[in-house]
């Protein structure tokens, strides 16, 4: 990603979850994930974990398109998304 897009990654800057129904080790579950919304330099991801037809866990995260700071090499800062990724 650094070589192609000039970024150091897409760090998570916010996360939250709702645990609705308990799950145990060995349970069969299905996880569905999607990009819920795009912003200037960040995007929101939604994850849903299902046990059968029952929604057991719902998670939300925000990630940022991040590059090294041009003024302070010890820092990272957000960058606008490129036109094509």
C-alpha atoms as a PDB file:
ATOM      1  CA  UNK A   1       0.000   0.000   0.000  1.00  0.00           C
ATOM      2  CA  UNK A   2       2.919   2.320   0.691  1.00  0.00           C
ATOM      3  CA  UNK A   3       4.487   1.664  -2.700  1.00  0.00           C
ATOM      4  CA  UNK A   4       1.257   1.905  -4.726  1.00  0.00           C
ATOM      5  CA  UNK A   5      -0.824   4.460  -2.795  1.00  0.00           C
ATOM      6  CA  UNK A   6       1.721   6.213  -0.543  1.00  0.00           C
ATOM      7  CA  UNK A   7      -0.112   5.225   2.645  1.00  0.00           C
ATOM      8  CA  UNK A   8       1.050   3.346   5.720  1.00  0.00           C
ATOM      9  CA  UNK A   9      -2.301   1.632   6.254  1.00  0.00           C
ATOM     10  CA  UNK A  10      -5.929   2.066   7.259  1.00  0.00           C
ATOM     11  CA  UNK A  11      -5.876   2.268  11.069  1.00  0.00           C
ATOM     12  CA  UNK A  12      -9.051   1.872  13.085  1.00  0.00           C
ATOM     13  CA  UNK A  13      -9.929   5.129  14.870  1.00  0.00           C
ATOM     14  CA  UNK A  14     -13.300   4.171  16.342  1.00  0.00           C
ATOM     15  CA  UNK A  15     -15.003   0.885  17.160  1.00  0.00           C
ATOM     16  CA  UNK A  16     -18.124  -0.191  18.998  1.00  0.00           C
ATOM     17  CA  UNK A  17     -20.210  -3.322  19.303  1.00  0.00           C
ATOM     18  CA  UNK A  18     -23.582  -4.562  20.507  1.00  0.00           C
ATOM     19  CA  UNK A  19     -23.661  -8.093  21.879  1.00  0.00           C
ATOM     20  CA  UNK A  20     -27.252  -9.257  21.493  1.00  0.00           C
ATOM     21  CA  UNK A  21     -27.195 -13.049  21.835  1.00  0.00           C
ATOM     22  CA  UNK A  22     -24.398 -15.060  23.469  1.00  0.00           C
ATOM     23  CA  UNK A  23     -22.135 -17.213  21.329  1.00  0.00           C
ATOM     24  CA  UNK A  24     -19.902 -20.063  22.469  1.00  0.00           C
ATOM     25  CA  UNK A  25     -16.740 -21.616  21.106  1.00  0.00           C
ATOM     26  CA  UNK A  26     -17.749 -24.111  18.433  1.00  0.00           C
ATOM     27  CA  UNK A  27     -20.995 -22.343  17.440  1.00  0.00           C
ATOM     28  CA  UNK A  28     -21.578 -22.084  13.696  1.00  0.00           C
ATOM     29  CA  UNK A  29     -21.894 -18.423  12.796  1.00  0.00           C
ATOM     30  CA  UNK A  30     -21.950 -16.295   9.653  1.00  0.00           C
ATOM     31  CA  UNK A  31     -20.222 -12.911   9.556  1.00  0.00           C
ATOM     32  CA  UNK A  32     -21.360 -10.326   7.010  1.00  0.00           C
ATOM     33  CA  UNK A  33     -19.297  -7.175   6.513  1.00  0.00           C
ATOM     34  CA  UNK A  34     -19.861  -4.121   4.342  1.00  0.00           C
ATOM     35  CA  UNK A  35     -18.616  -0.592   3.827  1.00  0.00           C
ATOM     36  CA  UNK A  36     -21.528   1.399   5.229  1.00  0.00           C
ATOM     37  CA  UNK A  37     -20.325   4.875   4.250  1.00  0.00           C
ATOM     38  CA  UNK A  38     -17.399   6.617   2.528  1.00  0.00           C
ATOM     39  CA  UNK A  39     -16.083   9.984   3.725  1.00  0.00           C
ATOM     40  CA  UNK A  40     -13.260  12.255   2.475  1.00  0.00           C
ATOM     41  CA  UNK A  41     -10.450  10.233   4.078  1.00  0.00           C
ATOM     42  CA  UNK A  42     -12.247   7.613   6.165  1.00  0.00           C
ATOM     43  CA  UNK A  43     -14.855   4.915   5.820  1.00  0.00           C
ATOM     44  CA  UNK A  44     -17.303   3.153   8.124  1.00  0.00           C
ATOM     45  CA  UNK A  45     -17.483  -0.636   8.223  1.00  0.00           C
ATOM     46  CA  UNK A  46     -20.408  -2.637   9.617  1.00  0.00           C
ATOM     47  CA  UNK A  47     -20.096  -6.261  10.698  1.00  0.00           C
ATOM     48  CA  UNK A  48     -23.008  -8.524  11.630  1.00  0.00           C
ATOM     49  CA  UNK A  49     -22.574 -11.962  13.198  1.00  0.00           C
ATOM     50  CA  UNK A  50     -25.514 -14.327  12.790  1.00  0.00           C
ATOM     51  CA  UNK A  51     -26.300 -17.594  14.581  1.00  0.00           C
ATOM     52  CA  UNK A  52     -28.740 -19.122  12.148  1.00  0.00           C
ATOM     53  CA  UNK A  53     -31.249 -16.369  11.381  1.00  0.00           C
ATOM     54  CA  UNK A  54     -30.590 -14.551  14.673  1.00  0.00           C
ATOM     55  CA  UNK A  55     -28.419 -11.424  14.800  1.00  0.00           C
ATOM     56  CA  UNK A  56     -26.002 -12.112  17.667  1.00  0.00           C
ATOM     57  CA  UNK A  57     -23.439  -9.317  17.366  1.00  0.00           C
ATOM     58  CA  UNK A  58     -23.350  -6.030  15.490  1.00  0.00           C
ATOM     59  CA  UNK A  59     -20.051  -4.119  15.202  1.00  0.00           C
ATOM     60  CA  UNK A  60     -19.135  -0.754  13.740  1.00  0.00           C
ATOM     61  CA  UNK A  61     -15.697   0.627  12.974  1.00  0.00           C
ATOM     62  CA  UNK A  62     -14.229   3.707  11.336  1.00  0.00           C
ATOM     63  CA  UNK A  63     -10.939   3.447   9.474  1.00  0.00           C
ATOM     64  CA  UNK A  64      -8.750   6.213   8.066  1.00  0.00           C
ATOM     65  CA  UNK A  65      -6.643   6.309   4.897  1.00  0.00           C
ATOM     66  CA  UNK A  66      -3.345   7.265   6.592  1.00  0.00           C
ATOM     67  CA  UNK A  67       0.053   8.433   5.373  1.00  0.00           C
ATOM     68  CA  UNK A  68       3.218   9.687   7.040  1.00  0.00           C
ATOM     69  CA  UNK A  69       3.063  13.373   7.915  1.00  0.00           C
ATOM     70  CA  UNK A  70       4.956  15.578   5.488  1.00  0.00           C
ATOM     71  CA  UNK A  71       6.050  17.861   8.358  1.00  0.00           C
ATOM     72  CA  UNK A  72       6.752  15.312  11.131  1.00  0.00           C
ATOM     73  CA  UNK A  73       7.995  11.873  10.057  1.00  0.00           C
ATOM     74  CA  UNK A  74       7.077  10.435  13.466  1.00  0.00           C
ATOM     75  CA  UNK A  75       3.368  11.081  12.877  1.00  0.00           C
ATOM     76  CA  UNK A  76       0.686   9.854  10.535  1.00  0.00           C
ATOM     77  CA  UNK A  77      -2.231  11.854   9.180  1.00  0.00           C
ATOM     78  CA  UNK A  78      -5.284  11.249   7.065  1.00  0.00           C
ATOM     79  CA  UNK A  79      -5.209  11.646   3.313  1.00  0.00           C
ATOM     80  CA  UNK A  80      -8.016  12.084   0.819  1.00  0.00           C
ATOM     81  CA  UNK A  81      -8.854   8.833  -1.008  1.00  0.00           C
ATOM     82  CA  UNK A  82      -7.335   8.506  -4.459  1.00  0.00           C
ATOM     83  CA  UNK A  83      -9.782   8.549  -7.364  1.00  0.00           C
ATOM     84  CA  UNK A  84      -9.189   4.831  -8.020  1.00  0.00           C
ATOM     85  CA  UNK A  85      -8.171   2.250  -5.383  1.00  0.00           C
END
